[in-house]
Amino acid sequence: MGNQVPLYFDVSDHDVYCPLKFGCSTVIIPQEHFTFPANLMAFLNQEKVTGIFWVPFALSTAANLRALEAEVPRYLKYIFFAGEVMPLKQLNYWRRFVPDAVYCNMYGPTETYVCTYFNVDREFGDHETLPIGRPCNNVDILVLDREDNLVLPGSGGEGELCVRGCTLALGYYNDPVRTGERFVQNPLNSSYPEIIYRTGDMVSYNDRGELVYHERMDCQIKRLGYRIELGEIEAAAGSIPQVRDCACVYDPSRQMILFLYTGQETEKKELSRRLSRKLPKYMMPNRYIYLEEMPRNPNGKIDRKRLKEGYV
């Protein structure tokens, strides 16, 4: 196992406990190798790393810098990722160079650890969205609409993903108020106590019965009479060649959608033209802001709070 995430991040549990169960070893990869991905690939080969469980940012950085064209990690058999949405443009880059590996999209907030997974079993276009799949063993998923009705596969509905089963935390340490908001009685069960965790993530089922993540509930906005999920704009922008990373934030006072991106600085007219092929007019951003680097938290996720503070 090639460890990338800090040991205080719950994803690292995978790198610590899998070797104890399966009799392999864990290599802690020096952080500086992720700054120079060509060296990273050489390190993976040197240590004969067969499995990695990285955040999408680490995989995307290697793809954006075309590191696999310098050296292919020829021992890799298992590539797991979790923590935020994996952009398909960068995932497809990895799949071209390491086509025989098992790619698994793993989903789960810290409060549940990994609770769903999707083994990438087919081709996806750069503009599509990768499913988060199906529940892990000993986990059950409930998708509840805004009236706490169950959303079923095939209904076309959308709702909040809620989790029950053995992976749930007991609550937030010394914070009963927050615990009571998220760890709640199952509204579908009035017969006995049963705690579920409300993730705050909006999901739906695709036509294969797989769960698809849309957006945080607090990132769903209402504008011009339409409900808009900012994540759909980001997914559509993922296939634009000039865009490396992107994020959308909403300025409610001016009712403006701000599109922030890294990669190649491009005229607003060009970005707007490409997005207009994939999005309806009411979802189009109002401002396009180029950044040298996207702000990130210590776990490698885009720091959306800092983006909002800086631009809204």
C-alpha atoms as a PDB file:
ATOM      1  CA  MET A   1       0.000   0.000   0.000  1.00  0.00           C
ATOM      2  CA  GLY A   2       1.313   3.432  -0.922  1.00  0.00           C
ATOM      3  CA  ASN A   3       0.107   5.868   1.754  1.00  0.00           C
ATOM      4  CA  GLN A   4      -0.599   9.444   0.630  1.00  0.00           C
ATOM      5  CA  VAL A   5      -3.039  10.933   3.139  1.00  0.00           C
ATOM      6  CA  PRO A   6      -2.030  12.210   6.609  1.00  0.00           C
ATOM      7  CA  LEU A   7      -2.536   9.748   9.421  1.00  0.00           C
ATOM      8  CA  TYR A   8      -5.115  12.032  11.082  1.00  0.00           C
ATOM      9  CA  PHE A   9      -7.372  11.717   8.018  1.00  0.00           C
ATOM     10  CA  ASP A  10      -9.807   8.785   8.301  1.00  0.00           C
ATOM     11  CA  VAL A  11      -8.905   7.535   4.811  1.00  0.00           C
ATOM     12  CA  SER A  12      -5.519   6.495   6.242  1.00  0.00           C
ATOM     13  CA  ASP A  13      -7.278   3.746   8.229  1.00  0.00           C
ATOM     14  CA  HIS A  14      -7.332   1.799   4.980  1.00  0.00           C
ATOM     15  CA  ASP A  15      -3.527   2.039   4.677  1.00  0.00           C
ATOM     16  CA  VAL A  16      -3.010   1.039   8.323  1.00  0.00           C
ATOM     17  CA  TYR A  17      -5.437  -1.858   8.742  1.00  0.00           C
ATOM     18  CA  CYS A  18      -5.494  -3.506   5.308  1.00  0.00           C
ATOM     19  CA  PRO A  19      -1.875  -4.661   5.656  1.00  0.00           C
ATOM     20  CA  LEU A  20      -2.707  -6.183   9.051  1.00  0.00           C
ATOM     21  CA  LYS A  21      -5.532  -8.200   7.492  1.00  0.00           C
ATOM     22  CA  PHE A  22      -3.939  -9.178   4.178  1.00  0.00           C
ATOM     23  CA  GLY A  23      -0.288  -9.519   5.115  1.00  0.00           C
ATOM     24  CA  CYS A  24       1.106  -6.794   2.887  1.00  0.00           C
ATOM     25  CA  SER A  25       3.082  -3.704   3.871  1.00  0.00           C
ATOM     26  CA  THR A  26       2.514   0.050   3.845  1.00  0.00           C
ATOM     27  CA  VAL A  27       4.976   2.531   2.385  1.00  0.00           C
ATOM     28  CA  ILE A  28       4.602   6.104   3.623  1.00  0.00           C
ATOM     29  CA  ILE A  29       5.322   8.182   0.524  1.00  0.00           C
ATOM     30  CA  PRO A  30       7.404  11.318   1.177  1.00  0.00           C
ATOM     31  CA  GLN A  31       5.227  14.398   0.708  1.00  0.00           C
ATOM     32  CA  GLU A  32       7.704  16.088  -1.617  1.00  0.00           C
ATOM     33  CA  HIS A  33       7.129  13.397  -4.241  1.00  0.00           C
ATOM     34  CA  PHE A  34       3.634  14.778  -4.821  1.00  0.00           C
ATOM     35  CA  THR A  35       5.200  18.084  -5.834  1.00  0.00           C
ATOM     36  CA  PHE A  36       7.251  16.264  -8.479  1.00  0.00           C
ATOM     37  CA  PRO A  37       4.973  13.492  -9.773  1.00  0.00           C
ATOM     38  CA  ALA A  38       7.615  12.097 -12.135  1.00  0.00           C
ATOM     39  CA  ASN A  39       9.640  11.215  -9.026  1.00  0.00           C
ATOM     40  CA  LEU A  40       6.447   9.837  -7.500  1.00  0.00           C
ATOM     41  CA  MET A  41       6.000   7.296 -10.290  1.00  0.00           C
ATOM     42  CA  ALA A  42       9.603   6.187  -9.955  1.00  0.00           C
ATOM     43  CA  PHE A  43       9.099   5.778  -6.202  1.00  0.00           C
ATOM     44  CA  LEU A  44       5.983   3.620  -6.715  1.00  0.00           C
ATOM     45  CA  ASN A  45       7.972   1.340  -8.997  1.00  0.00           C
ATOM     46  CA  GLN A  46      10.972   1.277  -6.688  1.00  0.00           C
ATOM     47  CA  GLU A  47       8.795   0.149  -3.762  1.00  0.00           C
ATOM     48  CA  LYS A  48       6.651  -2.120  -5.991  1.00  0.00           C
ATOM     49  CA  VAL A  49       3.447  -0.474  -4.749  1.00  0.00           C
ATOM     50  CA  THR A  50       0.379  -2.465  -5.820  1.00  0.00           C
ATOM     51  CA  GLY A  51      -2.401  -0.473  -4.139  1.00  0.00           C
ATOM     52  CA  ILE A  52      -3.140   3.185  -3.410  1.00  0.00           C
ATOM     53  CA  PHE A  53      -6.019   4.974  -1.705  1.00  0.00           C
ATOM     54  CA  TRP A  54      -5.541   8.650  -2.504  1.00  0.00           C
ATOM     55  CA  VAL A  55      -7.645  11.783  -2.556  1.00  0.00           C
ATOM     56  CA  PRO A  56      -8.614  12.848  -6.112  1.00  0.00           C
ATOM     57  CA  PHE A  57      -6.361  15.906  -5.848  1.00  0.00           C
ATOM     58  CA  ALA A  58      -3.259  13.697  -5.690  1.00  0.00           C
ATOM     59  CA  LEU A  59      -4.352  11.604  -8.683  1.00  0.00           C
ATOM     60  CA  SER A  60      -5.371  14.729 -10.600  1.00  0.00           C
ATOM     61  CA  THR A  61      -2.046  16.464  -9.975  1.00  0.00           C
ATOM     62  CA  ALA A  62      -0.175  13.541 -11.509  1.00  0.00           C
ATOM     63  CA  ALA A  63      -2.552  13.589 -14.494  1.00  0.00           C
ATOM     64  CA  ASN A  64      -2.371  17.359 -14.978  1.00  0.00           C
ATOM     65  CA  LEU A  65       1.443  17.243 -15.026  1.00  0.00           C
ATOM     66  CA  ARG A  66       1.402  14.218 -17.375  1.00  0.00           C
ATOM     67  CA  ALA A  67       3.567  12.250 -14.970  1.00  0.00           C
ATOM     68  CA  LEU A  68       2.626   8.840 -16.366  1.00  0.00           C
ATOM     69  CA  GLU A  69       4.114   9.749 -19.723  1.00  0.00           C
ATOM     70  CA  ALA A  70       7.524   9.843 -18.049  1.00  0.00           C
ATOM     71  CA  GLU A  71       7.081   6.548 -16.187  1.00  0.00           C
ATOM     72  CA  VAL A  72       4.128   4.197 -15.747  1.00  0.00           C
ATOM     73  CA  PRO A  73       3.566   2.687 -12.264  1.00  0.00           C
ATOM     74  CA  ARG A  74       3.759  -0.845 -13.571  1.00  0.00           C
ATOM     75  CA  TYR A  75       2.967  -2.692 -10.303  1.00  0.00           C
ATOM     76  CA  LEU A  76      -0.304  -0.912  -9.531  1.00  0.00           C
ATOM     77  CA  LYS A  77      -3.332  -3.215  -9.367  1.00  0.00           C
ATOM     78  CA  TYR A  78      -5.728  -1.293  -7.090  1.00  0.00           C
ATOM     79  CA  ILE A  79      -6.469   2.422  -7.305  1.00  0.00           C
ATOM     80  CA  PHE A  80      -8.979   3.663  -4.729  1.00  0.00           C
ATOM     81  CA  PHE A  81      -9.991   7.285  -4.250  1.00  0.00           C
ATOM     82  CA  ALA A  82     -12.286   9.219  -1.916  1.00  0.00           C
ATOM     83  CA  GLY A  83     -12.685  12.572  -0.230  1.00  0.00           C
ATOM     84  CA  GLU A  84     -14.213  14.652  -3.031  1.00  0.00           C
ATOM     85  CA  VAL A  85     -15.538  14.245  -6.562  1.00  0.00           C
ATOM     86  CA  MET A  86     -13.046  12.572  -8.906  1.00  0.00           C
ATOM     87  CA  PRO A  87     -12.903  14.509 -12.212  1.00  0.00           C
ATOM     88  CA  LEU A  88     -13.306  12.111 -15.103  1.00  0.00           C
ATOM     89  CA  LYS A  89     -10.871  13.873 -17.409  1.00  0.00           C
ATOM     90  CA  GLN A  90      -8.036  13.062 -14.994  1.00  0.00           C
ATOM     91  CA  LEU A  91      -9.380   9.589 -14.184  1.00  0.00           C
ATOM     92  CA  ASN A  92      -9.505   8.742 -17.877  1.00  0.00           C
ATOM     93  CA  TYR A  93      -5.846   9.776 -18.152  1.00  0.00           C
ATOM     94  CA  TRP A  94      -4.919   7.216 -15.482  1.00  0.00           C
ATOM     95  CA  ARG A  95      -7.045   4.543 -17.132  1.00  0.00           C
ATOM     96  CA  ARG A  96      -5.237   5.033 -20.446  1.00  0.00           C
ATOM     97  CA  PHE A  97      -1.841   4.386 -18.882  1.00  0.00           C
ATOM     98  CA  VAL A  98      -2.846   1.805 -16.227  1.00  0.00           C
ATOM     99  CA  PRO A  99      -5.779   0.078 -17.940  1.00  0.00           C
ATOM    100  CA  ASP A 100      -5.731  -3.217 -16.038  1.00  0.00           C
ATOM    101  CA  ALA A 101      -5.985  -1.835 -12.503  1.00  0.00           C
ATOM    102  CA  VAL A 102      -9.176  -1.951 -10.435  1.00  0.00           C
ATOM    103  CA  TYR A 103     -10.452   1.608 -10.013  1.00  0.00           C
ATOM    104  CA  CYS A 104     -12.836   2.165  -7.126  1.00  0.00           C
ATOM    105  CA  ASN A 105     -14.691   5.358  -6.259  1.00  0.00           C
ATOM    106  CA  MET A 106     -15.322   5.264  -2.508  1.00  0.00           C
ATOM    107  CA  TYR A 107     -17.751   7.570  -0.724  1.00  0.00           C
ATOM    108  CA  GLY A 108     -18.405   8.314   2.908  1.00  0.00           C
ATOM    109  CA  PRO A 109     -18.133  11.224   5.333  1.00  0.00           C
ATOM    110  CA  THR A 110     -15.974  10.870   8.425  1.00  0.00           C
ATOM    111  CA  GLU A 111     -19.098  10.137  10.498  1.00  0.00           C
ATOM    112  CA  THR A 112     -19.675   6.889   8.575  1.00  0.00           C
ATOM    113  CA  TYR A 113     -16.256   6.203   7.037  1.00  0.00           C
ATOM    114  CA  VAL A 114     -16.640   4.560   3.602  1.00  0.00           C
ATOM    115  CA  CYS A 115     -20.270   3.535   3.182  1.00  0.00           C
ATOM    116  CA  THR A 116     -20.679   3.177  -0.615  1.00  0.00           C
ATOM    117  CA  TYR A 117     -18.351   2.159  -3.429  1.00  0.00           C
ATOM    118  CA  PHE A 118     -18.314   1.940  -7.196  1.00  0.00           C
ATOM    119  CA  ASN A 119     -15.883  -0.239  -9.118  1.00  0.00           C
ATOM    120  CA  VAL A 120     -15.347   1.575 -12.422  1.00  0.00           C
ATOM    121  CA  ASP A 121     -16.619  -1.084 -14.826  1.00  0.00           C
ATOM    122  CA  ARG A 122     -17.222   0.891 -18.027  1.00  0.00           C
ATOM    123  CA  GLU A 123     -16.091   3.875 -20.049  1.00  0.00           C
ATOM    124  CA  PHE A 124     -17.125   7.398 -19.062  1.00  0.00           C
ATOM    125  CA  GLY A 125     -16.832  10.608 -21.041  1.00  0.00           C
ATOM    126  CA  ASP A 126     -14.889  13.517 -19.576  1.00  0.00           C
ATOM    127  CA  HIS A 127     -18.129  15.466 -19.034  1.00  0.00           C
ATOM    128  CA  GLU A 128     -20.007  12.689 -17.204  1.00  0.00           C
ATOM    129  CA  THR A 129     -20.387  12.071 -13.470  1.00  0.00           C
ATOM    130  CA  LEU A 130     -18.907   9.013 -11.773  1.00  0.00           C
ATOM    131  CA  PRO A 131     -21.443   7.117  -9.607  1.00  0.00           C
ATOM    132  CA  ILE A 132     -20.762   6.496  -5.929  1.00  0.00           C
ATOM    133  CA  GLY A 133     -22.338   3.105  -6.455  1.00  0.00           C
ATOM    134  CA  ARG A 134     -23.895   0.844  -3.865  1.00  0.00           C
ATOM    135  CA  PRO A 135     -23.711   0.330  -0.078  1.00  0.00           C
ATOM    136  CA  CYS A 136     -20.810  -1.571   1.454  1.00  0.00           C
ATOM    137  CA  ASN A 137     -21.491  -4.701   3.506  1.00  0.00           C
ATOM    138  CA  ASN A 138     -23.350  -4.106   6.793  1.00  0.00           C
ATOM    139  CA  VAL A 139     -24.416  -0.646   5.616  1.00  0.00           C
ATOM    140  CA  ASP A 140     -27.827   0.478   4.401  1.00  0.00           C
ATOM    141  CA  ILE A 141     -28.610   3.639   2.483  1.00  0.00           C
ATOM    142  CA  LEU A 142     -31.836   5.640   2.653  1.00  0.00           C
ATOM    143  CA  VAL A 143     -32.500   8.445   0.180  1.00  0.00           C
ATOM    144  CA  LEU A 144     -35.069  10.783   1.729  1.00  0.00           C
ATOM    145  CA  ASP A 145     -36.765  13.704  -0.006  1.00  0.00           C
ATOM    146  CA  ARG A 146     -37.506  17.010   1.727  1.00  0.00           C
ATOM    147  CA  GLU A 147     -40.665  15.523   3.305  1.00  0.00           C
ATOM    148  CA  ASP A 148     -38.715  12.450   4.531  1.00  0.00           C
ATOM    149  CA  ASN A 149     -40.329  10.163   1.969  1.00  0.00           C
ATOM    150  CA  LEU A 150     -38.193   7.334   0.628  1.00  0.00           C
ATOM    151  CA  VAL A 151     -36.805   7.891  -2.874  1.00  0.00           C
ATOM    152  CA  LEU A 152     -36.626   4.557  -4.727  1.00  0.00           C
ATOM    153  CA  PRO A 153     -34.477   3.480  -7.695  1.00  0.00           C
ATOM    154  CA  GLY A 154     -36.251   4.148 -10.970  1.00  0.00           C
ATOM    155  CA  SER A 155     -38.350   6.981  -9.572  1.00  0.00           C
ATOM    156  CA  GLY A 156     -36.149   9.708 -10.992  1.00  0.00           C
ATOM    157  CA  GLY A 157     -36.303  11.495  -7.654  1.00  0.00           C
ATOM    158  CA  GLU A 158     -33.541  13.142  -5.689  1.00  0.00           C
ATOM    159  CA  GLY A 159     -32.991  13.342  -1.947  1.00  0.00           C
ATOM    160  CA  GLU A 160     -30.623  13.419   0.982  1.00  0.00           C
ATOM    161  CA  LEU A 161     -28.396  10.406   1.470  1.00  0.00           C
ATOM    162  CA  CYS A 162     -28.845   8.921   4.950  1.00  0.00           C
ATOM    163  CA  VAL A 163     -26.853   6.025   6.388  1.00  0.00           C
ATOM    164  CA  ARG A 164     -27.585   3.312   8.914  1.00  0.00           C
ATOM    165  CA  GLY A 165     -25.550   0.289   9.955  1.00  0.00           C
ATOM    166  CA  CYS A 166     -22.413  -0.689  11.803  1.00  0.00           C
ATOM    167  CA  THR A 167     -20.159   2.036  10.387  1.00  0.00           C
ATOM    168  CA  LEU A 168     -21.917   4.962  12.104  1.00  0.00           C
ATOM    169  CA  ALA A 169     -20.065   7.015  14.669  1.00  0.00           C
ATOM    170  CA  LEU A 170     -21.702   7.452  18.075  1.00  0.00           C
ATOM    171  CA  GLY A 171     -21.947  11.199  17.563  1.00  0.00           C
ATOM    172  CA  TYR A 172     -19.789  14.297  17.924  1.00  0.00           C
ATOM    173  CA  TYR A 173     -17.573  14.366  20.985  1.00  0.00           C
ATOM    174  CA  ASN A 174     -18.957  16.635  23.692  1.00  0.00           C
ATOM    175  CA  ASP A 175     -21.374  18.268  21.233  1.00  0.00           C
ATOM    176  CA  PRO A 176     -24.914  16.992  21.930  1.00  0.00           C
ATOM    177  CA  VAL A 177     -26.609  19.751  19.926  1.00  0.00           C
ATOM    178  CA  ARG A 178     -24.778  18.964  16.692  1.00  0.00           C
ATOM    179  CA  THR A 179     -25.122  15.237  17.359  1.00  0.00           C
ATOM    180  CA  GLY A 180     -28.877  15.646  17.690  1.00  0.00           C
ATOM    181  CA  GLU A 181     -29.072  17.463  14.352  1.00  0.00           C
ATOM    182  CA  ARG A 182     -27.310  14.779  12.315  1.00  0.00           C
ATOM    183  CA  PHE A 183     -27.655  11.486  14.213  1.00  0.00           C
ATOM    184  CA  VAL A 184     -31.423  11.142  14.294  1.00  0.00           C
ATOM    185  CA  GLN A 185     -34.198   8.591  14.606  1.00  0.00           C
ATOM    186  CA  ASN A 186     -35.082   6.963  11.304  1.00  0.00           C
ATOM    187  CA  PRO A 187     -38.281   8.809  10.268  1.00  0.00           C
ATOM    188  CA  LEU A 188     -39.482   5.664   8.462  1.00  0.00           C
ATOM    189  CA  ASN A 189     -39.358   3.582  11.665  1.00  0.00           C
ATOM    190  CA  SER A 190     -41.756   4.318  14.521  1.00  0.00           C
ATOM    191  CA  SER A 191     -41.477   0.884  16.134  1.00  0.00           C
ATOM    192  CA  TYR A 192     -38.109   1.017  17.956  1.00  0.00           C
ATOM    193  CA  PRO A 193     -35.023   3.251  18.297  1.00  0.00           C
ATOM    194  CA  GLU A 194     -32.914   3.273  15.134  1.00  0.00           C
ATOM    195  CA  ILE A 195     -30.319   5.960  14.500  1.00  0.00           C
ATOM    196  CA  ILE A 196     -29.447   7.122  11.002  1.00  0.00           C
ATOM    197  CA  TYR A 197     -26.912   9.734   9.955  1.00  0.00           C
ATOM    198  CA  ARG A 198     -28.018  12.580   7.697  1.00  0.00           C
ATOM    199  CA  THR A 199     -25.072  13.312   5.425  1.00  0.00           C
ATOM    200  CA  GLY A 200     -26.375  16.560   3.910  1.00  0.00           C
ATOM    201  CA  ASP A 201     -25.452  15.194   0.458  1.00  0.00           C
ATOM    202  CA  MET A 202     -27.988  15.179  -2.368  1.00  0.00           C
ATOM    203  CA  VAL A 203     -28.085  11.994  -4.464  1.00  0.00           C
ATOM    204  CA  SER A 204     -30.271  10.127  -6.932  1.00  0.00           C
ATOM    205  CA  TYR A 205     -30.321   6.720  -8.620  1.00  0.00           C
ATOM    206  CA  ASN A 206     -29.278   6.320 -12.241  1.00  0.00           C
ATOM    207  CA  ASP A 207     -30.912   3.867 -14.648  1.00  0.00           C
ATOM    208  CA  ARG A 208     -28.583   1.108 -13.411  1.00  0.00           C
ATOM    209  CA  GLY A 209     -29.698   1.516  -9.802  1.00  0.00           C
ATOM    210  CA  GLU A 210     -26.381   3.134  -8.828  1.00  0.00           C
ATOM    211  CA  LEU A 211     -26.236   6.103  -6.510  1.00  0.00           C
ATOM    212  CA  VAL A 212     -25.029   9.351  -8.085  1.00  0.00           C
ATOM    213  CA  TYR A 213     -23.777  12.231  -5.945  1.00  0.00           C
ATOM    214  CA  HIS A 214     -25.033  15.678  -6.925  1.00  0.00           C
ATOM    215  CA  GLU A 215     -24.111  18.302  -4.366  1.00  0.00           C
ATOM    216  CA  ARG A 216     -24.186  19.352  -0.764  1.00  0.00           C
ATOM    217  CA  MET A 217     -27.662  20.471   0.292  1.00  0.00           C
ATOM    218  CA  ASP A 218     -26.197  23.843   1.275  1.00  0.00           C
ATOM    219  CA  CYS A 219     -24.700  24.176  -2.231  1.00  0.00           C
ATOM    220  CA  GLN A 220     -28.048  23.838  -3.944  1.00  0.00           C
ATOM    221  CA  ILE A 221     -29.252  27.304  -4.805  1.00  0.00           C
ATOM    222  CA  LYS A 222     -32.457  28.817  -6.117  1.00  0.00           C
ATOM    223  CA  ARG A 223     -31.978  31.410  -8.853  1.00  0.00           C
ATOM    224  CA  LEU A 224     -34.389  32.873 -11.402  1.00  0.00           C
ATOM    225  CA  GLY A 225     -37.014  30.450 -10.113  1.00  0.00           C
ATOM    226  CA  TYR A 226     -34.846  27.391 -10.793  1.00  0.00           C
ATOM    227  CA  ARG A 227     -33.134  25.018  -8.397  1.00  0.00           C
ATOM    228  CA  ILE A 228     -29.492  24.783  -9.442  1.00  0.00           C
ATOM    229  CA  GLU A 229     -26.831  22.376  -8.220  1.00  0.00           C
ATOM    230  CA  LEU A 230     -23.440  24.041  -8.487  1.00  0.00           C
ATOM    231  CA  GLY A 231     -21.811  20.639  -8.806  1.00  0.00           C
ATOM    232  CA  GLU A 232     -23.524  20.113 -12.163  1.00  0.00           C
ATOM    233  CA  ILE A 233     -21.796  23.222 -13.500  1.00  0.00           C
ATOM    234  CA  GLU A 234     -18.453  21.958 -12.210  1.00  0.00           C
ATOM    235  CA  ALA A 235     -19.021  18.538 -13.787  1.00  0.00           C
ATOM    236  CA  ALA A 236     -19.831  20.131 -17.144  1.00  0.00           C
ATOM    237  CA  ALA A 237     -16.677  22.244 -16.957  1.00  0.00           C
ATOM    238  CA  GLY A 238     -14.517  19.209 -16.214  1.00  0.00           C
ATOM    239  CA  SER A 239     -14.270  18.294 -19.901  1.00  0.00           C
ATOM    240  CA  ILE A 240     -13.043  21.732 -21.017  1.00  0.00           C
ATOM    241  CA  PRO A 241      -9.357  21.302 -21.960  1.00  0.00           C
ATOM    242  CA  GLN A 242      -8.261  24.637 -20.466  1.00  0.00           C
ATOM    243  CA  VAL A 243      -9.796  23.858 -17.051  1.00  0.00           C
ATOM    244  CA  ARG A 244      -7.698  21.900 -14.584  1.00  0.00           C
ATOM    245  CA  ASP A 245      -9.643  22.399 -11.323  1.00  0.00           C
ATOM    246  CA  CYS A 246     -12.803  24.396 -10.804  1.00  0.00           C
ATOM    247  CA  ALA A 247     -15.360  25.385  -8.204  1.00  0.00           C
ATOM    248  CA  CYS A 248     -18.569  27.419  -8.226  1.00  0.00           C
ATOM    249  CA  VAL A 249     -19.735  29.717  -5.452  1.00  0.00           C
ATOM    250  CA  TYR A 250     -22.944  31.710  -5.248  1.00  0.00           C
ATOM    251  CA  ASP A 251     -23.258  35.359  -4.307  1.00  0.00           C
ATOM    252  CA  PRO A 252     -26.851  35.617  -3.019  1.00  0.00           C
ATOM    253  CA  SER A 253     -26.803  39.407  -2.603  1.00  0.00           C
ATOM    254  CA  ARG A 254     -26.211  39.882  -6.339  1.00  0.00           C
ATOM    255  CA  GLN A 255     -27.709  36.536  -7.423  1.00  0.00           C
ATOM    256  CA  MET A 256     -24.514  35.739  -9.295  1.00  0.00           C
ATOM    257  CA  ILE A 257     -22.792  32.398  -9.907  1.00  0.00           C
ATOM    258  CA  LEU A 258     -19.017  32.729  -9.786  1.00  0.00           C
ATOM    259  CA  PHE A 259     -16.926  30.142 -11.659  1.00  0.00           C
ATOM    260  CA  LEU A 260     -13.349  29.873 -10.370  1.00  0.00           C
ATOM    261  CA  TYR A 261     -10.814  27.744 -12.181  1.00  0.00           C
ATOM    262  CA  THR A 262      -7.143  26.866 -12.584  1.00  0.00           C
ATOM    263  CA  GLY A 263      -5.306  25.645 -15.654  1.00  0.00           C
ATOM    264  CA  GLN A 264      -4.956  27.850 -18.720  1.00  0.00           C
ATOM    265  CA  GLU A 265      -6.296  31.387 -18.465  1.00  0.00           C
ATOM    266  CA  THR A 266      -9.024  31.684 -21.100  1.00  0.00           C
ATOM    267  CA  GLU A 267     -11.314  34.431 -22.309  1.00  0.00           C
ATOM    268  CA  LYS A 268     -14.748  34.478 -20.705  1.00  0.00           C
ATOM    269  CA  LYS A 269     -16.349  34.288 -24.137  1.00  0.00           C
ATOM    270  CA  GLU A 270     -14.593  30.998 -24.928  1.00  0.00           C
ATOM    271  CA  LEU A 271     -15.430  29.376 -21.586  1.00  0.00           C
ATOM    272  CA  SER A 272     -19.013  30.531 -21.857  1.00  0.00           C
ATOM    273  CA  ARG A 273     -19.301  29.156 -25.377  1.00  0.00           C
ATOM    274  CA  ARG A 274     -18.076  25.715 -24.305  1.00  0.00           C
ATOM    275  CA  LEU A 275     -20.279  25.589 -21.208  1.00  0.00           C
ATOM    276  CA  SER A 276     -23.350  26.691 -23.164  1.00  0.00           C
ATOM    277  CA  ARG A 277     -23.147  23.446 -25.138  1.00  0.00           C
ATOM    278  CA  LYS A 278     -23.682  21.466 -21.931  1.00  0.00           C
ATOM    279  CA  LEU A 279     -25.802  23.705 -19.675  1.00  0.00           C
ATOM    280  CA  PRO A 280     -29.134  25.500 -19.956  1.00  0.00           C
ATOM    281  CA  LYS A 281     -28.997  29.290 -19.979  1.00  0.00           C
ATOM    282  CA  TYR A 282     -30.241  29.699 -16.395  1.00  0.00           C
ATOM    283  CA  MET A 283     -27.269  27.683 -15.078  1.00  0.00           C
ATOM    284  CA  MET A 284     -24.564  29.701 -16.826  1.00  0.00           C
ATOM    285  CA  PRO A 285     -22.045  31.455 -14.532  1.00  0.00           C
ATOM    286  CA  ASN A 286     -22.023  35.245 -14.393  1.00  0.00           C
ATOM    287  CA  ARG A 287     -18.315  35.682 -13.663  1.00  0.00           C
ATOM    288  CA  TYR A 288     -15.244  33.631 -14.626  1.00  0.00           C
ATOM    289  CA  ILE A 289     -12.272  34.008 -12.312  1.00  0.00           C
ATOM    290  CA  TYR A 290      -8.856  32.544 -13.096  1.00  0.00           C
ATOM    291  CA  LEU A 291      -6.682  31.403 -10.170  1.00  0.00           C
ATOM    292  CA  GLU A 292      -3.052  30.326 -10.168  1.00  0.00           C
ATOM    293  CA  GLU A 293      -3.847  27.710  -7.526  1.00  0.00           C
ATOM    294  CA  MET A 294      -7.054  26.537  -5.907  1.00  0.00           C
ATOM    295  CA  PRO A 295      -7.112  26.979  -2.091  1.00  0.00           C
ATOM    296  CA  ARG A 296      -7.123  23.618  -0.357  1.00  0.00           C
ATOM    297  CA  ASN A 297      -7.454  22.335   3.187  1.00  0.00           C
ATOM    298  CA  PRO A 298      -4.848  20.025   4.781  1.00  0.00           C
ATOM    299  CA  ASN A 299      -6.626  16.931   3.368  1.00  0.00           C
ATOM    300  CA  GLY A 300      -6.278  18.169  -0.213  1.00  0.00           C
ATOM    301  CA  LYS A 301      -9.933  19.105  -0.704  1.00  0.00           C
ATOM    302  CA  ILE A 302     -10.899  22.422  -2.287  1.00  0.00           C
ATOM    303  CA  ASP A 303     -11.443  24.926   0.522  1.00  0.00           C
ATOM    304  CA  ARG A 304     -14.809  26.323  -0.507  1.00  0.00           C
ATOM    305  CA  LYS A 305     -15.132  28.360   2.668  1.00  0.00           C
ATOM    306  CA  ARG A 306     -12.034  30.365   1.748  1.00  0.00           C
ATOM    307  CA  LEU A 307     -13.328  30.826  -1.795  1.00  0.00           C
ATOM    308  CA  LYS A 308     -16.584  32.268  -0.497  1.00  0.00           C
ATOM    309  CA  GLU A 309     -14.798  34.524   1.961  1.00  0.00           C
ATOM    310  CA  GLY A 310     -12.494  35.795  -0.772  1.00  0.00           C
ATOM    311  CA  TYR A 311     -14.983  36.400  -3.566  1.00  0.00           C
ATOM    312  CA  VAL A 312     -18.507  36.766  -2.141  1.00  0.00           C
END
